Amino acid sequence: MPIGAVAAHETVTRYAFERSYFRADYTVRPKAFYPDSDGDCSVMVTTGLNDAEIKQVAAVHVTPVRGLPLTGSWQVINTNIGRTFTDTISISLDAPTVPGPISGRLTTRGVACGALDEPLTGNWDGTELRFESTLRPNVNTQRQNLDCGTGRVTYILKRKAGTERYEGEFVRDGMDVRGQVSLAP
């Protein structure tokens, strides 16, 4: 949809996603401002928003529509044995993140139990992303042939204000395992 004339107090923002739009020093190439061939680009006119608020618009309205996976890491501190375990996690949601029920896939490398494209279901209320999935023994793990209990795991994540980052915790059902999670597109 074409935008009309831009007033002096308005800012035009285009979210550029192709690496070819940027030079090696991360400055923007002129081609980022040319109309794209299919006429479908993410241009928004904003009035009265500062840079941080414009980035928040992208986090809420642009990133979810693009269907980017959230990737990051988890950490568990096992006080019984005095060790900290850390590894990777990734979630892909089936639909844009609008408040309401969500579904998708979880991939996480665990110590004894992991997931590889395991289904997840949950809810997004606009602030908190809460979902459940299953971790399985000998699937994407650091160690083999260990107990996973029921395998059920619950993640409770909150979006950090002004960013696209989610942070929170996970709890394993029936096991004394709690950990911290940090994810971003």
N, C-alpha and C. Protein backbone atom coordinates (compact mmCIF):
# COMPACT_ATOMS: atom_id res chain seq x y z
N MET A 1 0.83 -1.16 0.00
CA MET A 1 0.00 0.00 0.00
C MET A 1 0.89 1.23 0.00
N PRO A 2 0.75 2.12 -0.96
CA PRO A 2 1.61 3.29 -1.01
C PRO A 2 1.34 4.23 0.15
N ILE A 3 2.39 4.87 0.61
CA ILE A 3 2.21 5.87 1.66
C ILE A 3 2.12 7.23 0.99
N GLY A 4 1.38 8.13 1.60
CA GLY A 4 1.21 9.46 1.04
C GLY A 4 2.41 10.34 1.34
N ALA A 5 2.22 11.62 1.18
CA ALA A 5 3.28 12.58 1.47
C ALA A 5 3.66 12.48 2.94
N VAL A 6 4.94 12.59 3.21
CA VAL A 6 5.45 12.50 4.57
C VAL A 6 5.61 13.91 5.13
N ALA A 7 5.00 14.15 6.27
CA ALA A 7 5.10 15.46 6.92
C ALA A 7 6.47 15.61 7.57
N ALA A 8 6.85 16.86 7.81
CA ALA A 8 8.17 17.17 8.37
C ALA A 8 8.39 16.52 9.74
N HIS A 9 7.34 16.31 10.51
CA HIS A 9 7.48 15.75 11.86
C HIS A 9 7.43 14.21 11.86
N GLU A 10 7.27 13.58 10.69
CA GLU A 10 7.18 12.14 10.60
C GLU A 10 8.52 11.53 10.20
N THR A 11 8.71 10.28 10.58
CA THR A 11 9.91 9.53 10.21
C THR A 11 9.48 8.37 9.33
N VAL A 12 10.20 8.14 8.25
CA VAL A 12 9.94 6.98 7.41
C VAL A 12 10.97 5.93 7.77
N THR A 13 10.49 4.74 8.10
CA THR A 13 11.37 3.66 8.52
C THR A 13 11.21 2.49 7.56
N ARG A 14 12.31 1.96 7.10
CA ARG A 14 12.28 0.75 6.30
C ARG A 14 13.14 -0.28 7.01
N TYR A 15 12.59 -1.46 7.22
CA TYR A 15 13.33 -2.53 7.87
C TYR A 15 14.03 -3.33 6.78
N ALA A 16 15.35 -3.25 6.75
CA ALA A 16 16.15 -3.91 5.72
C ALA A 16 16.66 -5.24 6.25
N PHE A 17 16.39 -6.33 5.51
CA PHE A 17 16.74 -7.65 5.99
C PHE A 17 17.81 -8.35 5.16
N GLU A 18 18.07 -7.89 3.98
CA GLU A 18 19.05 -8.56 3.13
C GLU A 18 20.45 -8.06 3.44
N ARG A 19 21.38 -8.99 3.58
CA ARG A 19 22.77 -8.60 3.86
C ARG A 19 23.35 -7.71 2.78
N SER A 20 22.85 -7.88 1.55
CA SER A 20 23.38 -7.08 0.45
C SER A 20 23.04 -5.59 0.62
N TYR A 21 22.14 -5.26 1.52
CA TYR A 21 21.82 -3.85 1.79
C TYR A 21 22.90 -3.15 2.61
N PHE A 22 23.84 -3.91 3.17
CA PHE A 22 24.81 -3.34 4.08
C PHE A 22 26.24 -3.57 3.60
N ARG A 23 27.08 -2.57 3.84
CA ARG A 23 28.52 -2.70 3.57
C ARG A 23 29.17 -3.48 4.71
N ALA A 24 30.45 -3.82 4.52
CA ALA A 24 31.18 -4.57 5.55
C ALA A 24 31.24 -3.81 6.88
N ASP A 25 31.23 -2.47 6.81
CA ASP A 25 31.28 -1.67 8.04
C ASP A 25 29.89 -1.40 8.61
N TYR A 26 28.86 -2.11 8.07
CA TYR A 26 27.47 -2.04 8.51
C TYR A 26 26.76 -0.72 8.19
N THR A 27 27.34 0.11 7.34
CA THR A 27 26.60 1.26 6.85
C THR A 27 25.67 0.79 5.75
N VAL A 28 24.59 1.51 5.55
CA VAL A 28 23.56 1.10 4.60
C VAL A 28 23.92 1.53 3.18
N ARG A 29 23.77 0.60 2.24
CA ARG A 29 23.98 0.91 0.83
C ARG A 29 22.74 1.62 0.29
N PRO A 30 22.90 2.46 -0.75
CA PRO A 30 21.75 3.17 -1.33
C PRO A 30 20.64 2.24 -1.80
N LYS A 31 20.97 1.03 -2.25
CA LYS A 31 19.94 0.14 -2.79
C LYS A 31 18.87 -0.22 -1.76
N ALA A 32 19.17 -0.06 -0.47
CA ALA A 32 18.17 -0.33 0.57
C ALA A 32 16.99 0.62 0.47
N PHE A 33 17.19 1.75 -0.18
CA PHE A 33 16.13 2.75 -0.28
C PHE A 33 15.40 2.72 -1.62
N TYR A 34 15.85 1.87 -2.54
CA TYR A 34 15.17 1.75 -3.83
C TYR A 34 13.92 0.90 -3.64
N PRO A 35 12.87 1.17 -4.42
CA PRO A 35 11.70 0.28 -4.35
C PRO A 35 12.09 -1.13 -4.79
N ASP A 36 11.58 -2.14 -4.12
CA ASP A 36 11.90 -3.50 -4.53
C ASP A 36 11.02 -3.91 -5.71
N SER A 37 11.42 -4.96 -6.41
CA SER A 37 10.79 -5.33 -7.67
C SER A 37 9.32 -5.75 -7.51
N ASP A 38 8.95 -6.36 -6.39
CA ASP A 38 7.57 -6.81 -6.24
C ASP A 38 6.69 -5.80 -5.51
N GLY A 39 7.29 -4.68 -5.13
CA GLY A 39 6.51 -3.64 -4.45
C GLY A 39 6.11 -3.98 -3.03
N ASP A 40 6.65 -5.05 -2.49
CA ASP A 40 6.29 -5.50 -1.15
C ASP A 40 7.48 -5.27 -0.22
N CYS A 41 7.46 -4.17 0.47
CA CYS A 41 8.56 -3.90 1.39
C CYS A 41 8.00 -3.35 2.69
N SER A 42 8.81 -3.38 3.73
CA SER A 42 8.34 -2.98 5.05
C SER A 42 8.70 -1.51 5.30
N VAL A 43 7.84 -0.62 4.86
CA VAL A 43 8.02 0.80 5.10
C VAL A 43 6.90 1.25 6.01
N MET A 44 7.26 1.97 7.05
CA MET A 44 6.26 2.49 7.98
C MET A 44 6.50 3.97 8.18
N VAL A 45 5.44 4.73 8.31
CA VAL A 45 5.55 6.13 8.66
C VAL A 45 5.19 6.22 10.13
N THR A 46 6.07 6.83 10.90
CA THR A 46 5.84 6.94 12.34
C THR A 46 5.85 8.41 12.74
N THR A 47 5.02 8.74 13.68
CA THR A 47 4.92 10.11 14.16
C THR A 47 5.17 10.11 15.66
N GLY A 48 6.13 10.88 16.09
CA GLY A 48 6.38 11.05 17.51
C GLY A 48 7.06 9.89 18.20
N LEU A 49 7.71 8.99 17.44
CA LEU A 49 8.42 7.86 18.05
C LEU A 49 9.92 8.10 18.00
N ASN A 50 10.62 7.71 19.06
CA ASN A 50 12.08 7.79 19.03
C ASN A 50 12.63 6.48 18.46
N ASP A 51 13.95 6.37 18.29
CA ASP A 51 14.57 5.19 17.69
C ASP A 51 14.24 3.91 18.46
N ALA A 52 14.27 3.97 19.79
CA ALA A 52 13.98 2.77 20.59
C ALA A 52 12.53 2.31 20.36
N GLU A 53 11.62 3.26 20.25
CA GLU A 53 10.21 2.91 20.02
C GLU A 53 10.00 2.33 18.62
N ILE A 54 10.75 2.84 17.65
CA ILE A 54 10.67 2.29 16.29
C ILE A 54 11.18 0.85 16.28
N LYS A 55 12.26 0.58 17.02
CA LYS A 55 12.76 -0.79 17.11
C LYS A 55 11.74 -1.70 17.79
N GLN A 56 11.01 -1.17 18.74
CA GLN A 56 9.97 -1.96 19.41
C GLN A 56 8.85 -2.30 18.43
N VAL A 57 8.52 -1.37 17.54
CA VAL A 57 7.53 -1.64 16.50
C VAL A 57 7.99 -2.83 15.66
N ALA A 58 9.27 -2.83 15.30
CA ALA A 58 9.82 -3.94 14.52
C ALA A 58 9.73 -5.25 15.29
N ALA A 59 10.05 -5.20 16.58
CA ALA A 59 10.02 -6.42 17.40
C ALA A 59 8.62 -7.01 17.48
N VAL A 60 7.61 -6.15 17.52
CA VAL A 60 6.23 -6.62 17.68
C VAL A 60 5.58 -6.94 16.34
N HIS A 61 5.82 -6.10 15.31
CA HIS A 61 5.05 -6.22 14.08
C HIS A 61 5.82 -6.75 12.87
N VAL A 62 7.14 -6.64 12.86
CA VAL A 62 7.91 -7.06 11.68
C VAL A 62 8.55 -8.42 11.89
N THR A 63 9.29 -8.60 12.95
CA THR A 63 10.00 -9.86 13.19
C THR A 63 9.06 -11.06 13.24
N PRO A 64 7.94 -11.02 14.01
CA PRO A 64 7.06 -12.19 14.04
C PRO A 64 6.49 -12.55 12.68
N VAL A 65 6.13 -11.55 11.88
CA VAL A 65 5.55 -11.82 10.57
C VAL A 65 6.56 -12.53 9.68
N ARG A 66 7.83 -12.23 9.84
CA ARG A 66 8.86 -12.87 9.05
C ARG A 66 9.09 -14.31 9.48
N GLY A 67 8.57 -14.72 10.64
CA GLY A 67 8.69 -16.11 11.08
C GLY A 67 10.09 -16.52 11.48
N LEU A 68 10.88 -15.57 11.96
CA LEU A 68 12.24 -15.89 12.36
C LEU A 68 12.24 -16.80 13.58
N PRO A 69 13.13 -17.80 13.61
CA PRO A 69 13.22 -18.60 14.82
C PRO A 69 13.88 -17.79 15.94
N LEU A 70 13.56 -18.12 17.15
CA LEU A 70 14.24 -17.54 18.30
C LEU A 70 15.33 -18.52 18.69
N THR A 71 16.55 -18.05 18.78
CA THR A 71 17.67 -18.92 19.13
C THR A 71 18.42 -18.33 20.32
N GLY A 72 19.08 -19.18 21.05
CA GLY A 72 19.85 -18.69 22.19
C GLY A 72 20.45 -19.82 22.98
N SER A 73 20.47 -19.62 24.30
CA SER A 73 21.11 -20.61 25.16
C SER A 73 20.30 -20.79 26.45
N TRP A 74 20.56 -21.92 27.09
CA TRP A 74 19.99 -22.19 28.39
C TRP A 74 21.13 -22.48 29.36
N GLN A 75 20.85 -22.33 30.65
CA GLN A 75 21.86 -22.60 31.67
C GLN A 75 21.20 -23.20 32.90
N VAL A 76 21.79 -24.27 33.42
CA VAL A 76 21.34 -24.89 34.67
C VAL A 76 22.53 -24.95 35.60
N ILE A 77 22.33 -24.49 36.83
CA ILE A 77 23.36 -24.60 37.86
C ILE A 77 22.93 -25.71 38.79
N ASN A 78 23.68 -26.80 38.78
CA ASN A 78 23.39 -27.95 39.64
C ASN A 78 24.18 -27.79 40.93
N THR A 79 23.50 -27.34 41.97
CA THR A 79 24.18 -27.10 43.25
C THR A 79 24.58 -28.40 43.94
N ASN A 80 23.92 -29.52 43.59
CA ASN A 80 24.25 -30.80 44.21
C ASN A 80 25.67 -31.25 43.84
N ILE A 81 26.07 -30.99 42.62
CA ILE A 81 27.41 -31.44 42.20
C ILE A 81 28.34 -30.27 41.90
N GLY A 82 27.83 -29.04 42.07
CA GLY A 82 28.67 -27.86 41.89
C GLY A 82 29.08 -27.61 40.44
N ARG A 83 28.18 -27.91 39.49
CA ARG A 83 28.50 -27.70 38.06
C ARG A 83 27.44 -26.84 37.40
N THR A 84 27.87 -26.11 36.39
CA THR A 84 26.96 -25.33 35.56
C THR A 84 26.95 -25.94 34.17
N PHE A 85 25.77 -26.17 33.64
CA PHE A 85 25.61 -26.72 32.30
C PHE A 85 24.98 -25.65 31.41
N THR A 86 25.48 -25.52 30.20
CA THR A 86 24.97 -24.55 29.23
C THR A 86 24.95 -25.19 27.85
N ASP A 87 23.91 -24.88 27.07
CA ASP A 87 23.87 -25.35 25.68
C ASP A 87 22.88 -24.52 24.90
N THR A 88 22.49 -24.98 23.72
CA THR A 88 21.71 -24.19 22.78
C THR A 88 20.22 -24.54 22.79
N ILE A 89 19.42 -23.57 22.34
CA ILE A 89 17.97 -23.77 22.21
C ILE A 89 17.49 -22.94 21.03
N SER A 90 16.47 -23.45 20.34
CA SER A 90 15.85 -22.73 19.23
C SER A 90 14.36 -23.08 19.19
N ILE A 91 13.52 -22.06 19.00
CA ILE A 91 12.10 -22.34 18.79
C ILE A 91 11.65 -21.64 17.51
N SER A 92 10.79 -22.33 16.79
CA SER A 92 10.16 -21.77 15.59
C SER A 92 8.66 -21.84 15.80
N LEU A 93 8.00 -20.70 15.66
CA LEU A 93 6.56 -20.65 15.83
C LEU A 93 5.88 -20.83 14.48
N ASP A 94 4.72 -21.51 14.48
CA ASP A 94 3.99 -21.80 13.25
C ASP A 94 3.32 -20.57 12.66
N ALA A 95 2.98 -19.59 13.48
CA ALA A 95 2.27 -18.41 13.00
C ALA A 95 2.84 -17.18 13.68
N PRO A 96 2.54 -16.01 13.14
CA PRO A 96 3.02 -14.79 13.79
C PRO A 96 2.60 -14.74 15.25
N THR A 97 3.43 -14.10 16.04
CA THR A 97 3.21 -14.04 17.47
C THR A 97 2.24 -12.92 17.80
N VAL A 98 0.96 -13.24 17.78
CA VAL A 98 -0.07 -12.32 18.23
C VAL A 98 -0.64 -12.92 19.50
N PRO A 99 -1.17 -12.10 20.40
CA PRO A 99 -1.70 -12.67 21.64
C PRO A 99 -2.69 -13.80 21.38
N GLY A 100 -2.50 -14.88 22.13
CA GLY A 100 -3.36 -16.05 22.01
C GLY A 100 -2.55 -17.33 21.96
N PRO A 101 -3.20 -18.44 21.61
CA PRO A 101 -2.51 -19.73 21.56
C PRO A 101 -1.40 -19.73 20.50
N ILE A 102 -0.33 -20.46 20.80
CA ILE A 102 0.78 -20.61 19.85
C ILE A 102 1.11 -22.08 19.70
N SER A 103 1.75 -22.40 18.59
CA SER A 103 2.30 -23.74 18.38
C SER A 103 3.57 -23.57 17.58
N GLY A 104 4.39 -24.60 17.59
CA GLY A 104 5.64 -24.52 16.86
C GLY A 104 6.51 -25.73 17.13
N ARG A 105 7.82 -25.52 17.05
CA ARG A 105 8.81 -26.60 17.21
C ARG A 105 9.93 -26.14 18.13
N LEU A 106 10.40 -27.07 18.95
CA LEU A 106 11.51 -26.83 19.87
C LEU A 106 12.68 -27.71 19.49
N THR A 107 13.86 -27.11 19.43
CA THR A 107 15.10 -27.86 19.31
C THR A 107 16.02 -27.37 20.41
N THR A 108 16.47 -28.28 21.24
CA THR A 108 17.41 -27.91 22.30
C THR A 108 18.34 -29.07 22.58
N ARG A 109 19.60 -28.75 22.79
CA ARG A 109 20.59 -29.77 23.14
C ARG A 109 20.69 -29.79 24.65
N GLY A 110 20.38 -30.93 25.23
CA GLY A 110 20.40 -31.05 26.68
C GLY A 110 21.52 -31.95 27.16
N VAL A 111 21.67 -32.03 28.46
CA VAL A 111 22.68 -32.91 29.05
C VAL A 111 22.23 -34.35 28.88
N ALA A 112 21.07 -34.70 29.44
CA ALA A 112 20.57 -36.07 29.35
C ALA A 112 19.37 -36.20 28.43
N CYS A 113 18.64 -35.10 28.23
CA CYS A 113 17.42 -35.11 27.45
C CYS A 113 17.42 -33.91 26.52
N GLY A 114 16.98 -34.12 25.28
CA GLY A 114 16.97 -33.04 24.32
C GLY A 114 15.75 -33.10 23.43
N ALA A 115 15.70 -32.18 22.48
CA ALA A 115 14.59 -32.13 21.54
C ALA A 115 15.12 -31.75 20.17
N LEU A 116 14.54 -32.34 19.15
CA LEU A 116 14.89 -32.03 17.77
C LEU A 116 13.58 -31.88 17.00
N ASP A 117 13.18 -30.63 16.75
CA ASP A 117 11.90 -30.32 16.10
C ASP A 117 10.72 -30.94 16.84
N GLU A 118 10.76 -30.89 18.15
CA GLU A 118 9.69 -31.43 18.98
C GLU A 118 8.52 -30.43 19.00
N PRO A 119 7.27 -30.87 18.84
CA PRO A 119 6.14 -29.94 18.89
C PRO A 119 6.07 -29.20 20.22
N LEU A 120 5.65 -27.94 20.15
CA LEU A 120 5.41 -27.15 21.35
C LEU A 120 4.05 -26.48 21.23
N THR A 121 3.40 -26.26 22.37
CA THR A 121 2.13 -25.54 22.41
C THR A 121 2.17 -24.61 23.62
N GLY A 122 1.44 -23.52 23.51
CA GLY A 122 1.43 -22.59 24.63
C GLY A 122 0.59 -21.38 24.35
N ASN A 123 0.99 -20.26 24.97
CA ASN A 123 0.24 -19.03 24.86
C ASN A 123 1.18 -17.83 24.91
N TRP A 124 0.82 -16.80 24.15
CA TRP A 124 1.53 -15.52 24.16
C TRP A 124 0.49 -14.47 24.55
N ASP A 125 0.74 -13.72 25.63
CA ASP A 125 -0.23 -12.71 26.07
C ASP A 125 0.19 -11.29 25.73
N GLY A 126 1.24 -11.15 24.93
CA GLY A 126 1.75 -9.84 24.57
C GLY A 126 2.95 -9.44 25.40
N THR A 127 3.14 -10.10 26.54
CA THR A 127 4.28 -9.85 27.42
C THR A 127 5.01 -11.14 27.74
N GLU A 128 4.24 -12.19 28.06
CA GLU A 128 4.82 -13.46 28.49
C GLU A 128 4.55 -14.54 27.44
N LEU A 129 5.61 -15.25 27.08
CA LEU A 129 5.53 -16.39 26.17
C LEU A 129 5.69 -17.64 27.03
N ARG A 130 4.62 -18.44 27.13
CA ARG A 130 4.64 -19.64 27.97
C ARG A 130 4.29 -20.82 27.09
N PHE A 131 5.17 -21.84 27.07
CA PHE A 131 4.88 -23.00 26.25
C PHE A 131 5.44 -24.26 26.88
N GLU A 132 4.89 -25.40 26.43
CA GLU A 132 5.32 -26.71 26.91
C GLU A 132 5.74 -27.56 25.73
N SER A 133 6.66 -28.47 26.01
CA SER A 133 7.10 -29.41 25.00
C SER A 133 7.61 -30.65 25.72
N THR A 134 8.28 -31.52 24.98
CA THR A 134 8.80 -32.76 25.56
C THR A 134 10.28 -32.90 25.22
N LEU A 135 11.06 -33.28 26.23
CA LEU A 135 12.47 -33.61 26.03
C LEU A 135 12.59 -35.13 26.07
N ARG A 136 13.45 -35.67 25.22
CA ARG A 136 13.57 -37.13 25.09
C ARG A 136 15.00 -37.58 25.37
N PRO A 137 15.14 -38.80 25.94
CA PRO A 137 16.49 -39.32 26.16
C PRO A 137 17.17 -39.63 24.83
N ASN A 138 18.46 -39.47 24.78
CA ASN A 138 19.29 -39.83 23.62
C ASN A 138 18.92 -39.07 22.34
N VAL A 139 18.26 -37.92 22.47
CA VAL A 139 17.93 -37.08 21.31
C VAL A 139 18.62 -35.74 21.52
N ASN A 140 19.61 -35.44 20.70
CA ASN A 140 20.30 -34.15 20.75
C ASN A 140 20.85 -33.87 22.15
N THR A 141 21.59 -34.82 22.71
CA THR A 141 22.08 -34.73 24.09
C THR A 141 23.60 -34.75 24.16
N GLN A 142 24.10 -34.27 25.31
CA GLN A 142 25.53 -34.32 25.60
C GLN A 142 25.93 -35.71 26.10
N ARG A 143 25.00 -36.36 26.81
CA ARG A 143 25.27 -37.69 27.38
C ARG A 143 24.15 -38.64 26.99
N GLN A 144 24.44 -39.93 26.98
CA GLN A 144 23.48 -40.95 26.54
C GLN A 144 22.96 -41.79 27.70
N ASN A 145 21.77 -42.35 27.48
CA ASN A 145 21.17 -43.36 28.37
C ASN A 145 20.94 -42.88 29.80
N LEU A 146 20.44 -41.65 29.94
CA LEU A 146 20.11 -41.13 31.25
C LEU A 146 18.59 -40.92 31.34
N ASP A 147 18.08 -40.75 32.56
CA ASP A 147 16.64 -40.66 32.81
C ASP A 147 16.11 -39.26 32.47
N CYS A 148 14.96 -39.22 31.80
CA CYS A 148 14.30 -37.95 31.47
C CYS A 148 13.00 -37.76 32.24
N GLY A 149 12.66 -38.69 33.12
CA GLY A 149 11.39 -38.58 33.82
C GLY A 149 10.25 -38.57 32.81
N THR A 150 9.26 -37.69 33.00
CA THR A 150 8.15 -37.61 32.06
C THR A 150 8.58 -36.93 30.75
N GLY A 151 9.65 -36.18 30.80
CA GLY A 151 10.13 -35.45 29.63
C GLY A 151 9.45 -34.12 29.42
N ARG A 152 8.36 -33.88 30.14
CA ARG A 152 7.62 -32.63 29.97
C ARG A 152 8.43 -31.44 30.51
N VAL A 153 8.47 -30.35 29.72
CA VAL A 153 9.20 -29.16 30.11
C VAL A 153 8.33 -27.94 29.82
N THR A 154 8.36 -26.97 30.75
CA THR A 154 7.59 -25.74 30.60
C THR A 154 8.55 -24.56 30.58
N TYR A 155 8.38 -23.69 29.58
CA TYR A 155 9.19 -22.48 29.44
C TYR A 155 8.30 -21.27 29.72
N ILE A 156 8.82 -20.33 30.50
CA ILE A 156 8.11 -19.09 30.82
C ILE A 156 9.09 -17.96 30.51
N LEU A 157 8.83 -17.24 29.41
CA LEU A 157 9.75 -16.21 28.93
C LEU A 157 9.04 -14.87 28.84
N LYS A 158 9.76 -13.80 29.13
CA LYS A 158 9.22 -12.45 28.97
C LYS A 158 10.12 -11.67 28.02
N ARG A 159 9.49 -10.86 27.18
CA ARG A 159 10.25 -10.03 26.26
C ARG A 159 10.86 -8.87 27.04
N LYS A 160 12.16 -8.64 26.85
CA LYS A 160 12.82 -7.51 27.49
C LYS A 160 12.35 -6.24 26.80
N ALA A 161 11.96 -5.26 27.58
CA ALA A 161 11.41 -4.02 27.04
C ALA A 161 12.36 -3.38 26.04
N GLY A 162 11.79 -2.96 24.91
CA GLY A 162 12.55 -2.26 23.89
C GLY A 162 13.48 -3.12 23.06
N THR A 163 13.38 -4.46 23.20
CA THR A 163 14.26 -5.35 22.45
C THR A 163 13.43 -6.49 21.84
N GLU A 164 14.11 -7.32 21.08
CA GLU A 164 13.49 -8.53 20.55
C GLU A 164 13.89 -9.75 21.37
N ARG A 165 14.58 -9.55 22.48
CA ARG A 165 15.10 -10.63 23.32
C ARG A 165 14.06 -11.10 24.34
N TYR A 166 14.00 -12.41 24.51
CA TYR A 166 13.15 -13.03 25.52
C TYR A 166 14.06 -13.68 26.56
N GLU A 167 13.71 -13.52 27.83
CA GLU A 167 14.46 -14.16 28.91
C GLU A 167 13.49 -14.74 29.90
N GLY A 168 13.92 -15.81 30.55
CA GLY A 168 13.06 -16.44 31.54
C GLY A 168 13.64 -17.74 32.02
N GLU A 169 12.76 -18.68 32.32
CA GLU A 169 13.21 -19.94 32.89
C GLU A 169 12.45 -21.11 32.30
N PHE A 170 13.00 -22.29 32.55
CA PHE A 170 12.29 -23.52 32.21
C PHE A 170 12.29 -24.42 33.42
N VAL A 171 11.26 -25.26 33.50
CA VAL A 171 11.09 -26.19 34.61
C VAL A 171 10.79 -27.56 34.03
N ARG A 172 11.51 -28.57 34.49
CA ARG A 172 11.28 -29.95 34.05
C ARG A 172 10.29 -30.61 35.00
N ASP A 173 9.24 -31.19 34.47
CA ASP A 173 8.21 -31.84 35.25
C ASP A 173 8.76 -33.09 35.93
N GLY A 174 8.51 -33.22 37.24
CA GLY A 174 8.89 -34.42 37.97
C GLY A 174 10.38 -34.54 38.26
N MET A 175 11.16 -33.53 37.92
CA MET A 175 12.59 -33.57 38.20
C MET A 175 12.98 -32.23 38.83
N ASP A 176 13.97 -32.25 39.66
CA ASP A 176 14.43 -31.03 40.32
C ASP A 176 15.39 -30.28 39.39
N VAL A 177 14.85 -29.86 38.24
CA VAL A 177 15.68 -29.14 37.26
C VAL A 177 14.98 -27.85 36.88
N ARG A 178 15.67 -26.75 37.11
CA ARG A 178 15.23 -25.40 36.73
C ARG A 178 16.40 -24.73 36.05
N GLY A 179 16.10 -23.97 35.00
CA GLY A 179 17.19 -23.30 34.32
C GLY A 179 16.78 -21.95 33.77
N GLN A 180 17.75 -21.19 33.34
CA GLN A 180 17.55 -19.87 32.75
C GLN A 180 17.67 -19.98 31.23
N VAL A 181 16.89 -19.17 30.52
CA VAL A 181 16.88 -19.19 29.06
C VAL A 181 16.97 -17.76 28.54
N SER A 182 17.71 -17.59 27.43
CA SER A 182 17.78 -16.29 26.76
C SER A 182 17.67 -16.57 25.25
N LEU A 183 16.71 -15.92 24.57
CA LEU A 183 16.44 -16.15 23.15
C LEU A 183 16.27 -14.82 22.41
N ALA A 184 16.65 -14.80 21.13
CA ALA A 184 16.41 -13.64 20.27
C ALA A 184 16.38 -14.12 18.82
N PRO A 185 15.70 -13.35 17.93
CA PRO A 185 15.69 -13.74 16.52
C PRO A 185 17.07 -13.57 15.89
